[in-house]
């Protein structure tokens, strides 16, 4: 994991000469988006490590990040969707 991070940081620190719009921010965003897409398939210890790493640098994001990731995780997503279903009231209205 450390080697992958190092390679990504080295690549991100330089702009691609063939495409000057590829920046560190775009690479970080793309990597973050990919992590969110596969979050539920990552091992729990890796999820915890990534979550802790983000929160260590951005404490104010902790609650928002937890909600976002729970919405993306297959185990917790079903419960969130079930609570969102509107039930008719007992008076039939």
N, C-alpha and C. Protein backbone atom coordinates (compact mmCIF):
# COMPACT_ATOMS: atom_id res chain seq x y z
N UNK A 1 0.83 -1.19 0.00
CA UNK A 1 0.00 0.00 0.00
C UNK A 1 0.87 1.25 0.00
N UNK A 2 1.94 1.25 0.77
CA UNK A 2 2.82 2.41 0.86
C UNK A 2 3.47 2.68 -0.49
N UNK A 3 3.84 1.64 -1.20
CA UNK A 3 4.46 1.81 -2.52
C UNK A 3 3.47 2.44 -3.49
N UNK A 4 2.22 1.97 -3.48
CA UNK A 4 1.19 2.53 -4.35
C UNK A 4 0.99 4.01 -4.03
N UNK A 5 0.91 4.35 -2.75
CA UNK A 5 0.74 5.74 -2.35
C UNK A 5 1.90 6.59 -2.83
N UNK A 6 3.12 6.10 -2.65
CA UNK A 6 4.30 6.83 -3.09
C UNK A 6 4.28 7.06 -4.59
N UNK A 7 3.95 6.02 -5.35
CA UNK A 7 3.88 6.17 -6.81
C UNK A 7 2.81 7.17 -7.22
N UNK A 8 1.65 7.11 -6.58
CA UNK A 8 0.59 8.06 -6.90
C UNK A 8 1.00 9.49 -6.57
N UNK A 9 1.66 9.68 -5.45
CA UNK A 9 2.10 11.02 -5.08
C UNK A 9 3.17 11.54 -6.02
N UNK A 10 4.09 10.68 -6.44
CA UNK A 10 5.11 11.10 -7.39
C UNK A 10 4.48 11.48 -8.72
N UNK A 11 3.53 10.68 -9.17
CA UNK A 11 2.84 10.97 -10.43
C UNK A 11 2.02 12.24 -10.30
N UNK A 12 1.34 12.39 -9.18
CA UNK A 12 0.48 13.54 -8.98
C UNK A 12 1.26 14.82 -8.81
N UNK A 13 2.50 14.74 -8.35
CA UNK A 13 3.28 15.95 -8.11
C UNK A 13 3.72 16.62 -9.41
N UNK A 14 3.66 15.89 -10.49
CA UNK A 14 4.02 16.44 -11.79
C UNK A 14 2.78 16.48 -12.68
N UNK A 15 2.69 17.54 -13.46
CA UNK A 15 1.59 17.58 -14.43
C UNK A 15 1.98 16.74 -15.63
N UNK A 16 1.01 16.09 -16.21
CA UNK A 16 1.22 15.31 -17.42
C UNK A 16 1.46 16.29 -18.56
N UNK A 17 2.63 16.21 -19.19
CA UNK A 17 2.97 17.17 -20.26
C UNK A 17 2.03 17.07 -21.46
N UNK A 18 1.46 15.89 -21.70
CA UNK A 18 0.54 15.73 -22.82
C UNK A 18 -0.85 16.26 -22.49
N UNK A 19 -1.15 16.40 -21.21
CA UNK A 19 -2.46 16.89 -20.78
C UNK A 19 -2.25 17.75 -19.54
N UNK A 20 -2.02 19.05 -19.71
CA UNK A 20 -1.70 19.92 -18.58
C UNK A 20 -2.84 20.12 -17.59
N UNK A 21 -4.05 19.63 -17.90
CA UNK A 21 -5.16 19.80 -16.97
C UNK A 21 -5.20 18.70 -15.92
N UNK A 22 -4.34 17.69 -16.05
CA UNK A 22 -4.28 16.63 -15.04
C UNK A 22 -3.39 17.13 -13.91
N UNK A 23 -4.01 17.38 -12.77
CA UNK A 23 -3.30 17.93 -11.61
C UNK A 23 -3.41 16.98 -10.42
N UNK A 24 -2.69 17.30 -9.38
CA UNK A 24 -2.76 16.53 -8.15
C UNK A 24 -4.19 16.45 -7.64
N UNK A 25 -4.89 17.57 -7.70
CA UNK A 25 -6.28 17.59 -7.23
C UNK A 25 -7.17 16.65 -8.02
N UNK A 26 -7.00 16.62 -9.34
CA UNK A 26 -7.83 15.72 -10.18
C UNK A 26 -7.50 14.26 -9.90
N UNK A 27 -6.23 13.96 -9.73
CA UNK A 27 -5.83 12.58 -9.45
C UNK A 27 -6.36 12.16 -8.09
N UNK A 28 -6.22 13.04 -7.10
CA UNK A 28 -6.73 12.73 -5.76
C UNK A 28 -8.24 12.53 -5.78
N UNK A 29 -8.93 13.36 -6.52
CA UNK A 29 -10.39 13.24 -6.61
C UNK A 29 -10.78 11.92 -7.27
N UNK A 30 -10.10 11.57 -8.36
CA UNK A 30 -10.41 10.32 -9.06
C UNK A 30 -10.13 9.11 -8.17
N UNK A 31 -9.03 9.16 -7.43
CA UNK A 31 -8.69 8.07 -6.52
C UNK A 31 -9.73 7.97 -5.41
N UNK A 32 -10.12 9.12 -4.85
CA UNK A 32 -11.15 9.14 -3.81
C UNK A 32 -12.48 8.60 -4.31
N UNK A 33 -12.87 9.00 -5.52
CA UNK A 33 -14.13 8.51 -6.11
C UNK A 33 -14.09 6.99 -6.28
N UNK A 34 -12.93 6.48 -6.70
CA UNK A 34 -12.79 5.03 -6.88
C UNK A 34 -12.91 4.31 -5.54
N UNK A 35 -12.32 4.86 -4.50
CA UNK A 35 -12.40 4.24 -3.17
C UNK A 35 -13.84 4.19 -2.70
N UNK A 36 -14.59 5.28 -2.91
CA UNK A 36 -16.00 5.31 -2.50
C UNK A 36 -16.80 4.24 -3.26
N UNK A 37 -16.51 4.07 -4.56
CA UNK A 37 -17.25 3.08 -5.35
C UNK A 37 -17.02 1.66 -4.86
N UNK A 38 -15.82 1.36 -4.38
CA UNK A 38 -15.51 -0.01 -3.96
C UNK A 38 -15.49 -0.17 -2.44
N UNK A 39 -15.91 0.84 -1.72
CA UNK A 39 -15.80 0.87 -0.25
C UNK A 39 -16.32 -0.42 0.40
N UNK A 40 -17.48 -0.87 0.01
CA UNK A 40 -18.08 -2.05 0.61
C UNK A 40 -17.34 -3.34 0.34
N UNK A 41 -16.47 -3.35 -0.64
CA UNK A 41 -15.70 -4.56 -0.96
C UNK A 41 -14.30 -4.55 -0.35
N UNK A 42 -13.93 -3.45 0.31
CA UNK A 42 -12.62 -3.36 0.94
C UNK A 42 -12.64 -4.09 2.29
N UNK A 43 -11.53 -4.67 2.67
CA UNK A 43 -11.46 -5.31 3.99
C UNK A 43 -11.70 -4.26 5.09
N UNK A 44 -12.32 -4.67 6.18
CA UNK A 44 -12.68 -3.76 7.26
C UNK A 44 -11.47 -2.99 7.80
N UNK A 45 -10.33 -3.67 7.96
CA UNK A 45 -9.15 -2.99 8.49
C UNK A 45 -8.65 -1.90 7.56
N UNK A 46 -8.77 -2.12 6.25
CA UNK A 46 -8.39 -1.09 5.29
C UNK A 46 -9.38 0.07 5.33
N UNK A 47 -10.68 -0.24 5.46
CA UNK A 47 -11.68 0.81 5.60
C UNK A 47 -11.36 1.70 6.81
N UNK A 48 -11.06 1.06 7.92
CA UNK A 48 -10.74 1.82 9.14
C UNK A 48 -9.50 2.68 8.97
N UNK A 49 -8.49 2.11 8.34
CA UNK A 49 -7.24 2.85 8.12
C UNK A 49 -7.48 4.07 7.22
N UNK A 50 -8.22 3.88 6.14
CA UNK A 50 -8.51 5.00 5.24
C UNK A 50 -9.35 6.06 5.93
N UNK A 51 -10.38 5.64 6.66
CA UNK A 51 -11.24 6.57 7.38
C UNK A 51 -10.42 7.38 8.38
N UNK A 52 -9.59 6.70 9.17
CA UNK A 52 -8.77 7.38 10.16
C UNK A 52 -7.79 8.36 9.52
N UNK A 53 -7.26 7.99 8.38
CA UNK A 53 -6.30 8.85 7.67
C UNK A 53 -6.98 10.15 7.22
N UNK A 54 -8.19 10.04 6.68
CA UNK A 54 -8.92 11.23 6.25
C UNK A 54 -9.27 12.10 7.45
N UNK A 55 -9.79 11.49 8.50
CA UNK A 55 -10.23 12.23 9.68
C UNK A 55 -9.05 12.90 10.39
N UNK A 56 -7.88 12.28 10.37
CA UNK A 56 -6.71 12.87 11.01
C UNK A 56 -6.36 14.23 10.40
N UNK A 57 -6.59 14.36 9.10
CA UNK A 57 -6.29 15.62 8.40
C UNK A 57 -7.50 16.55 8.30
N UNK A 58 -8.71 16.01 8.48
CA UNK A 58 -9.95 16.77 8.26
C UNK A 58 -10.99 16.39 9.29
N UNK A 59 -10.76 16.69 10.55
CA UNK A 59 -11.65 16.28 11.64
C UNK A 59 -13.09 16.72 11.40
N UNK A 60 -13.27 17.89 10.80
CA UNK A 60 -14.62 18.41 10.58
C UNK A 60 -15.43 17.57 9.58
N UNK A 61 -14.77 16.71 8.83
CA UNK A 61 -15.45 15.86 7.85
C UNK A 61 -15.95 14.55 8.44
N UNK A 62 -15.59 14.24 9.66
CA UNK A 62 -15.84 12.91 10.22
C UNK A 62 -17.29 12.46 10.09
N UNK A 63 -18.24 13.26 10.54
CA UNK A 63 -19.64 12.88 10.48
C UNK A 63 -20.15 12.75 9.06
N UNK A 64 -19.79 13.72 8.22
CA UNK A 64 -20.23 13.70 6.82
C UNK A 64 -19.65 12.49 6.08
N UNK A 65 -18.38 12.20 6.35
CA UNK A 65 -17.73 11.06 5.71
C UNK A 65 -18.38 9.75 6.14
N UNK A 66 -18.68 9.64 7.43
CA UNK A 66 -19.32 8.42 7.93
C UNK A 66 -20.67 8.20 7.26
N UNK A 67 -21.46 9.26 7.12
CA UNK A 67 -22.77 9.14 6.47
C UNK A 67 -22.60 8.73 5.01
N UNK A 68 -21.70 9.39 4.30
CA UNK A 68 -21.48 9.07 2.88
C UNK A 68 -21.08 7.61 2.72
N UNK A 69 -20.15 7.14 3.52
CA UNK A 69 -19.68 5.77 3.38
C UNK A 69 -20.73 4.75 3.79
N UNK A 70 -21.54 5.07 4.78
CA UNK A 70 -22.63 4.16 5.16
C UNK A 70 -23.65 4.06 4.04
N UNK A 71 -23.87 5.16 3.32
CA UNK A 71 -24.80 5.13 2.19
C UNK A 71 -24.27 4.29 1.04
N UNK A 72 -22.96 4.12 0.95
CA UNK A 72 -22.34 3.37 -0.14
C UNK A 72 -22.08 1.91 0.22
N UNK A 73 -22.12 1.57 1.49
CA UNK A 73 -21.78 0.21 1.92
C UNK A 73 -23.01 -0.68 1.79
N UNK A 74 -22.90 -1.82 1.09
CA UNK A 74 -24.06 -2.69 0.86
C UNK A 74 -24.75 -3.15 2.15
N UNK A 75 -23.97 -3.37 3.21
CA UNK A 75 -24.55 -3.87 4.45
C UNK A 75 -25.41 -2.80 5.13
N UNK A 76 -25.02 -1.53 5.04
CA UNK A 76 -25.77 -0.46 5.71
C UNK A 76 -26.70 0.29 4.76
N UNK A 77 -26.46 0.18 3.48
CA UNK A 77 -27.27 0.88 2.48
C UNK A 77 -28.72 0.41 2.50
N UNK A 78 -28.96 -0.88 2.65
CA UNK A 78 -30.32 -1.43 2.64
C UNK A 78 -31.15 -0.86 3.79
N UNK A 79 -30.55 -0.74 4.96
CA UNK A 79 -31.27 -0.18 6.11
C UNK A 79 -31.63 1.27 5.91
N UNK A 80 -30.72 2.02 5.31
CA UNK A 80 -30.98 3.44 5.04
C UNK A 80 -32.13 3.57 4.05
N UNK A 81 -32.12 2.75 3.00
CA UNK A 81 -33.18 2.81 2.00
C UNK A 81 -34.51 2.39 2.60
N UNK A 82 -34.51 1.40 3.47
CA UNK A 82 -35.76 0.93 4.07
C UNK A 82 -36.39 2.03 4.93
N UNK A 83 -35.56 2.76 5.66
CA UNK A 83 -36.09 3.85 6.49
C UNK A 83 -36.61 5.01 5.65
N UNK A 84 -36.17 5.12 4.41
CA UNK A 84 -36.58 6.22 3.54
C UNK A 84 -37.95 5.96 2.88
N UNK A 85 -38.45 4.73 2.94
CA UNK A 85 -39.72 4.39 2.32
C UNK A 85 -40.85 5.05 3.11
N UNK A 86 -41.68 5.79 2.43
CA UNK A 86 -42.78 6.47 3.09
C UNK A 86 -43.91 5.47 3.33
N UNK A 87 -44.36 5.40 4.58
CA UNK A 87 -45.43 4.50 4.93
C UNK A 87 -46.73 5.29 5.08
N UNK A 88 -47.83 4.75 4.63
CA UNK A 88 -49.09 5.46 4.77
C UNK A 88 -49.45 5.57 6.26
N UNK A 89 -50.13 6.67 6.61
CA UNK A 89 -50.50 6.80 8.03
C UNK A 89 -51.68 5.89 8.37
N UNK A 90 -51.92 5.73 9.63
CA UNK A 90 -52.95 4.77 10.08
C UNK A 90 -54.35 5.21 9.74
N UNK A 91 -54.54 6.47 9.36
CA UNK A 91 -55.87 6.96 9.01
C UNK A 91 -56.20 6.80 7.54
N UNK A 92 -55.27 6.22 6.80
CA UNK A 92 -55.53 5.97 5.38
C UNK A 92 -55.35 7.20 4.51
N UNK A 93 -54.68 8.20 5.01
CA UNK A 93 -54.54 9.46 4.26
C UNK A 93 -53.31 9.62 3.56
